[in-house]
PDB file of N, CA and C in Angstrom:
ATOM      1  N   MET A   1     -23.006 238.674 -18.801  1.00  0.00           N
ATOM      2  CA  MET A   1     -22.122 237.557 -18.580  1.00  0.00           C
ATOM      3  C   MET A   1     -21.336 237.105 -19.857  1.00  0.00           C
ATOM      4  N   ALA A   2     -20.258 236.796 -19.439  1.00  0.00           N
ATOM      5  CA  ALA A   2     -19.372 236.269 -20.534  1.00  0.00           C
ATOM      6  C   ALA A   2     -19.575 234.682 -20.753  1.00  0.00           C
ATOM      7  N   LEU A   3     -20.055 234.239 -21.879  1.00  0.00           N
ATOM      8  CA  LEU A   3     -20.286 232.868 -22.296  1.00  0.00           C
ATOM      9  C   LEU A   3     -19.160 232.133 -22.395  1.00  0.00           C
ATOM     10  N   THR A   4     -18.853 231.056 -21.946  1.00  0.00           N
ATOM     11  CA  THR A   4     -17.692 229.989 -22.122  1.00  0.00           C
ATOM     12  C   THR A   4     -18.161 228.602 -22.505  1.00  0.00           C
ATOM     13  N   ALA A   5     -17.277 227.685 -22.650  1.00  0.00           N
ATOM     14  CA  ALA A   5     -17.643 226.359 -22.853  1.00  0.00           C
ATOM     15  C   ALA A   5     -18.182 225.696 -21.375  1.00  0.00           C
ATOM     16  N   ASP A   6     -17.806 226.324 -20.256  1.00  0.00           N
ATOM     17  CA  ASP A   6     -18.251 225.882 -19.185  1.00  0.00           C
ATOM     18  C   ASP A   6     -19.602 226.422 -18.652  1.00  0.00           C
ATOM     19  N   SER A   7     -20.194 227.684 -19.430  1.00  0.00           N
ATOM     20  CA  SER A   7     -21.433 227.915 -19.062  1.00  0.00           C
ATOM     21  C   SER A   7     -22.616 226.896 -19.519  1.00  0.00           C
ATOM     22  N   THR A   8     -23.856 226.891 -18.820  1.00  0.00           N
ATOM     23  CA  THR A   8     -24.718 225.974 -19.101  1.00  0.00           C
ATOM     24  C   THR A   8     -25.435 226.247 -20.502  1.00  0.00           C
ATOM     25  N   ILE A   9     -26.167 225.206 -21.120  1.00  0.00           N
ATOM     26  CA  ILE A   9     -26.738 225.287 -22.238  1.00  0.00           C
ATOM     27  C   ILE A   9     -27.991 226.308 -22.026  1.00  0.00           C
ATOM     28  N   TYR A  10     -28.522 226.265 -20.865  1.00  0.00           N
ATOM     29  CA  TYR A  10     -29.798 227.173 -20.502  1.00  0.00           C
ATOM     30  C   TYR A  10     -29.150 228.468 -20.463  1.00  0.00           C
ATOM     31  N   ASP A  11     -28.082 228.860 -19.861  1.00  0.00           N
ATOM     32  CA  ASP A  11     -27.444 230.196 -19.909  1.00  0.00           C
ATOM     33  C   ASP A  11     -27.071 230.711 -21.299  1.00  0.00           C
ATOM     34  N   LEU A  12     -26.617 229.876 -22.133  1.00  0.00           N
ATOM     35  CA  LEU A  12     -26.356 230.136 -23.486  1.00  0.00           C
ATOM     36  C   LEU A  12     -27.671 230.387 -24.225  1.00  0.00           C
ATOM     37  N   LEU A  13     -28.767 229.754 -24.204  1.00  0.00           N
ATOM     38  CA  LEU A  13     -29.853 229.946 -24.775  1.00  0.00           C
ATOM     39  C   LEU A  13     -30.644 231.136 -24.242  1.00  0.00           C
ATOM     40  N   GLN A  14     -30.434 231.574 -22.977  1.00  0.00           N
ATOM     41  CA  GLN A  14     -31.120 232.717 -22.479  1.00  0.00           C
ATOM     42  C   GLN A  14     -30.470 234.104 -22.956  1.00  0.00           C
ATOM     43  N   GLU A  15     -28.937 233.981 -23.089  1.00  0.00           N
ATOM     44  CA  GLU A  15     -28.295 235.119 -23.544  1.00  0.00           C
ATOM     45  C   GLU A  15     -28.244 235.253 -25.152  1.00  0.00           C
ATOM     46  N   LYS A  16     -28.214 234.011 -25.905  1.00  0.00           N
ATOM     47  CA  LYS A  16     -28.073 233.936 -27.291  1.00  0.00           C
ATOM     48  C   LYS A  16     -29.171 232.966 -27.823  1.00  0.00           C
ATOM     49  N   PRO A  17     -30.342 233.539 -27.771  1.00  0.00           N
ATOM     50  CA  PRO A  17     -31.550 232.569 -28.280  1.00  0.00           C
ATOM     51  C   PRO A  17     -31.313 232.044 -29.674  1.00  0.00           C
ATOM     52  N   GLU A  18     -30.489 232.873 -30.519  1.00  0.00           N
ATOM     53  CA  GLU A  18     -30.187 232.418 -31.957  1.00  0.00           C
ATOM     54  C   GLU A  18     -29.127 231.214 -31.974  1.00  0.00           C
ATOM     55  N   SER A  19     -28.725 230.852 -30.905  1.00  0.00           N
ATOM     56  CA  SER A  19     -27.846 229.799 -30.929  1.00  0.00           C
ATOM     57  C   SER A  19     -28.566 228.525 -31.050  1.00  0.00           C
ATOM     58  N   THR A  20     -29.963 228.482 -30.830  1.00  0.00           N
ATOM     59  CA  THR A  20     -30.599 227.140 -31.021  1.00  0.00           C
ATOM     60  C   THR A  20     -30.326 226.602 -32.326  1.00  0.00           C
ATOM     61  N   ALA A  21     -30.269 227.525 -33.551  1.00  0.00           N
ATOM     62  CA  ALA A  21     -30.071 226.831 -34.688  1.00  0.00           C
ATOM     63  C   ALA A  21     -28.599 226.200 -34.955  1.00  0.00           C
ATOM     64  N   ILE A  22     -27.776 226.726 -34.154  1.00  0.00           N
ATOM     65  CA  ILE A  22     -26.445 226.153 -34.385  1.00  0.00           C
ATOM     66  C   ILE A  22     -26.292 224.963 -33.599  1.00  0.00           C
ATOM     67  N   LEU A  23     -27.061 224.909 -32.390  1.00  0.00           N
ATOM     68  CA  LEU A  23     -26.978 223.504 -31.783  1.00  0.00           C
ATOM     69  C   LEU A  23     -27.716 222.723 -32.424  1.00  0.00           C
ATOM     70  N   PHE A  24     -28.728 222.878 -33.251  1.00  0.00           N
ATOM     71  CA  PHE A  24     -29.455 221.789 -33.952  1.00  0.00           C
ATOM     72  C   PHE A  24     -28.601 221.481 -35.144  1.00  0.00           C
ATOM     73  N   LYS A  25     -27.934 222.408 -35.808  1.00  0.00           N
ATOM     74  CA  LYS A  25     -26.884 222.117 -36.927  1.00  0.00           C
ATOM     75  C   LYS A  25     -26.024 220.985 -36.501  1.00  0.00           C
ATOM     76  N   PHE A  26     -25.475 221.172 -35.198  1.00  0.00           N
ATOM     77  CA  PHE A  26     -24.583 220.021 -34.689  1.00  0.00           C
ATOM     78  C   PHE A  26     -25.271 218.847 -34.196  1.00  0.00           C
ATOM     79  N   GLY A  27     -26.460 218.834 -34.556  1.00  0.00           N
ATOM     80  CA  GLY A  27     -27.427 217.593 -33.986  1.00  0.00           C
ATOM     81  C   GLY A  27     -27.750 217.444 -32.514  1.00  0.00           C
ATOM     82  N   MET A  28     -27.614 218.700 -31.902  1.00  0.00           N
ATOM     83  CA  MET A  28     -28.090 218.831 -30.253  1.00  0.00           C
ATOM     84  C   MET A  28     -29.598 219.341 -30.352  1.00  0.00           C
ATOM     85  N   GLY A  29     -30.331 218.576 -29.805  1.00  0.00           N
ATOM     86  CA  GLY A  29     -31.804 218.797 -29.445  1.00  0.00           C
ATOM     87  C   GLY A  29     -31.836 219.389 -28.059  1.00  0.00           C
ATOM     88  N   CYS A  30     -30.782 220.209 -27.660  1.00  0.00           N
ATOM     89  CA  CYS A  30     -30.863 220.686 -26.252  1.00  0.00           C
ATOM     90  C   CYS A  30     -31.972 221.740 -25.872  1.00  0.00           C
ATOM     91  N   VAL A  31     -32.539 222.187 -26.869  1.00  0.00           N
ATOM     92  CA  VAL A  31     -33.517 223.266 -26.543  1.00  0.00           C
ATOM     93  C   VAL A  31     -34.648 222.762 -25.526  1.00  0.00           C
ATOM     94  N   GLY A  32     -35.088 221.750 -25.804  1.00  0.00           N
ATOM     95  CA  GLY A  32     -36.182 221.110 -24.862  1.00  0.00           C
ATOM     96  C   GLY A  32     -35.785 220.078 -23.906  1.00  0.00           C
ATOM     97  N   CYS A  33     -34.576 219.752 -23.762  1.00  0.00           N
ATOM     98  CA  CYS A  33     -33.919 219.064 -22.917  1.00  0.00           C
ATOM     99  C   CYS A  33     -33.712 219.346 -21.408  1.00  0.00           C
ATOM    100  N   SER A  34     -34.322 218.550 -20.388  1.00  0.00           N
ATOM    101  CA  SER A  34     -34.274 218.847 -19.059  1.00  0.00           C
ATOM    102  C   SER A  34     -32.965 218.922 -18.584  1.00  0.00           C
ATOM    103  N   ILE A  35     -32.069 218.317 -19.146  1.00  0.00           N
ATOM    104  CA  ILE A  35     -30.643 218.411 -18.657  1.00  0.00           C
ATOM    105  C   ILE A  35     -29.947 219.808 -18.911  1.00  0.00           C
ATOM    106  N   ALA A  36     -30.412 220.453 -19.968  1.00  0.00           N
ATOM    107  CA  ALA A  36     -29.860 221.763 -20.393  1.00  0.00           C
ATOM    108  C   ALA A  36     -29.695 222.603 -19.238  1.00  0.00           C
ATOM    109  N   LYS A  37     -30.343 222.627 -18.204  1.00  0.00           N
ATOM    110  CA  LYS A  37     -30.220 223.816 -17.086  1.00  0.00           C
ATOM    111  C   LYS A  37     -29.132 223.433 -16.449  1.00  0.00           C
ATOM    112  N   GLY A  38     -28.589 222.334 -16.254  1.00  0.00           N
ATOM    113  CA  GLY A  38     -27.304 221.957 -15.647  1.00  0.00           C
ATOM    114  C   GLY A  38     -26.276 221.511 -16.249  1.00  0.00           C
ATOM    115  N   GLU A  39     -26.327 221.162 -17.483  1.00  0.00           N
ATOM    116  CA  GLU A  39     -25.272 220.637 -18.489  1.00  0.00           C
ATOM    117  C   GLU A  39     -24.441 221.753 -19.069  1.00  0.00           C
ATOM    118  N   SER A  40     -23.101 221.769 -19.012  1.00  0.00           N
ATOM    119  CA  SER A  40     -22.342 222.701 -19.671  1.00  0.00           C
ATOM    120  C   SER A  40     -22.373 222.424 -21.134  1.00  0.00           C
ATOM    121  N   ILE A  41     -21.845 223.439 -21.760  1.00  0.00           N
ATOM    122  CA  ILE A  41     -21.665 223.396 -23.351  1.00  0.00           C
ATOM    123  C   ILE A  41     -20.637 222.304 -23.541  1.00  0.00           C
ATOM    124  N   LYS A  42     -19.622 222.296 -22.889  1.00  0.00           N
ATOM    125  CA  LYS A  42     -18.513 221.366 -22.773  1.00  0.00           C
ATOM    126  C   LYS A  42     -19.041 219.899 -22.632  1.00  0.00           C
ATOM    127  N   GLU A  43     -19.800 219.585 -21.592  1.00  0.00           N
ATOM    128  CA  GLU A  43     -20.305 218.487 -21.190  1.00  0.00           C
ATOM    129  C   GLU A  43     -21.372 218.068 -22.391  1.00  0.00           C
ATOM    130  N   ALA A  44     -22.275 218.887 -22.956  1.00  0.00           N
ATOM    131  CA  ALA A  44     -23.088 218.466 -24.013  1.00  0.00           C
ATOM    132  C   ALA A  44     -22.243 218.044 -25.275  1.00  0.00           C
ATOM    133  N   ALA A  45     -21.172 218.872 -25.633  1.00  0.00           N
ATOM    134  CA  ALA A  45     -20.266 218.435 -26.711  1.00  0.00           C
ATOM    135  C   ALA A  45     -19.779 217.082 -26.611  1.00  0.00           C
ATOM    136  N   ILE A  46     -19.220 216.816 -25.436  1.00  0.00           N
ATOM    137  CA  ILE A  46     -18.686 215.450 -25.033  1.00  0.00           C
ATOM    138  C   ILE A  46     -19.631 214.503 -25.308  1.00  0.00           C
ATOM    139  N   ALA A  47     -20.908 214.594 -24.627  1.00  0.00           N
ATOM    140  CA  ALA A  47     -21.940 213.665 -24.725  1.00  0.00           C
ATOM    141  C   ALA A  47     -22.480 213.197 -26.088  1.00  0.00           C
ATOM    142  N   HIS A  48     -22.389 214.463 -26.928  1.00  0.00           N
ATOM    143  CA  HIS A  48     -22.862 214.157 -28.337  1.00  0.00           C
ATOM    144  C   HIS A  48     -21.691 213.972 -29.361  1.00  0.00           C
ATOM    145  N   GLY A  49     -20.436 213.872 -28.883  1.00  0.00           N
ATOM    146  CA  GLY A  49     -19.357 213.512 -29.795  1.00  0.00           C
ATOM    147  C   GLY A  49     -18.987 214.424 -30.678  1.00  0.00           C
ATOM    148  N   ILE A  50     -19.185 215.835 -30.222  1.00  0.00           N
ATOM    149  CA  ILE A  50     -18.944 217.037 -31.113  1.00  0.00           C
ATOM    150  C   ILE A  50     -17.646 217.691 -30.670  1.00  0.00           C
ATOM    151  N   PRO A  51     -16.828 217.979 -31.616  1.00  0.00           N
ATOM    152  CA  PRO A  51     -15.480 218.736 -31.389  1.00  0.00           C
ATOM    153  C   PRO A  51     -15.720 220.118 -30.868  1.00  0.00           C
ATOM    154  N   LEU A  52     -15.263 220.126 -29.552  1.00  0.00           N
ATOM    155  CA  LEU A  52     -15.575 221.365 -28.808  1.00  0.00           C
ATOM    156  C   LEU A  52     -15.131 222.505 -29.426  1.00  0.00           C
ATOM    157  N   ASP A  53     -13.883 222.468 -30.172  1.00  0.00           N
ATOM    158  CA  ASP A  53     -13.303 223.792 -30.575  1.00  0.00           C
ATOM    159  C   ASP A  53     -14.258 224.205 -31.990  1.00  0.00           C
ATOM    160  N   GLU A  54     -15.042 223.129 -32.649  1.00  0.00           N
ATOM    161  CA  GLU A  54     -15.873 223.423 -33.683  1.00  0.00           C
ATOM    162  C   GLU A  54     -17.099 224.175 -33.201  1.00  0.00           C
ATOM    163  N   LEU A  55     -17.682 223.594 -32.075  1.00  0.00           N
ATOM    164  CA  LEU A  55     -18.876 224.112 -31.506  1.00  0.00           C
ATOM    165  C   LEU A  55     -18.775 225.430 -30.873  1.00  0.00           C
ATOM    166  N   VAL A  56     -17.647 225.675 -30.093  1.00  0.00           N
ATOM    167  CA  VAL A  56     -17.544 227.109 -29.558  1.00  0.00           C
ATOM    168  C   VAL A  56     -17.406 228.166 -30.571  1.00  0.00           C
ATOM    169  N   ALA A  57     -16.567 227.777 -31.625  1.00  0.00           N
ATOM    170  CA  ALA A  57     -16.132 228.708 -32.787  1.00  0.00           C
ATOM    171  C   ALA A  57     -17.771 228.961 -33.478  1.00  0.00           C
ATOM    172  N   ALA A  58     -18.543 228.225 -33.782  1.00  0.00           N
ATOM    173  CA  ALA A  58     -19.755 228.422 -34.394  1.00  0.00           C
ATOM    174  C   ALA A  58     -20.567 229.315 -33.494  1.00  0.00           C
ATOM    175  N   LEU A  59     -20.434 229.126 -32.107  1.00  0.00           N
ATOM    176  CA  LEU A  59     -21.273 229.645 -31.082  1.00  0.00           C
ATOM    177  C   LEU A  59     -20.716 231.170 -30.845  1.00  0.00           C
ATOM    178  N   GLY A  60     -19.603 231.343 -31.242  1.00  0.00           N
ATOM    179  CA  GLY A  60     -19.070 232.793 -30.920  1.00  0.00           C
ATOM    180  C   GLY A  60     -18.576 232.872 -29.475  1.00  0.00           C
ATOM    181  N   ILE A  61     -18.223 231.854 -28.839  1.00  0.00           N
ATOM    182  CA  ILE A  61     -17.874 232.006 -27.341  1.00  0.00           C
ATOM    183  C   ILE A  61     -16.455 231.482 -27.181  1.00  0.00           C
ATOM    184  N   SER A  62     -15.842 231.621 -26.012  1.00  0.00           N
ATOM    185  CA  SER A  62     -14.579 231.092 -25.747  1.00  0.00           C
ATOM    186  C   SER A  62     -14.688 229.648 -24.884  1.00  0.00           C
ATOM    187  N   GLN A  63     -13.324 229.127 -25.120  1.00  0.00           N
ATOM    188  CA  GLN A  63     -13.365 227.822 -24.523  1.00  0.00           C
ATOM    189  C   GLN A  63     -13.055 227.974 -22.948  1.00  0.00           C
TER     190      GLN A  63
END
């Protein structure tokens, strides 16, 4: 599956578990969050006030 900013945090962590460190670097504690199963990467970035372009670049995914 191709990961994008519209993928869920859960899908990201399933496909790229190493992304945990990147999320923590941006101040996102999404690993243990129950919302992660249904929240997109884009939605999480907005909720945490993180520039989406910076986050997706660090994660190596497309917008």
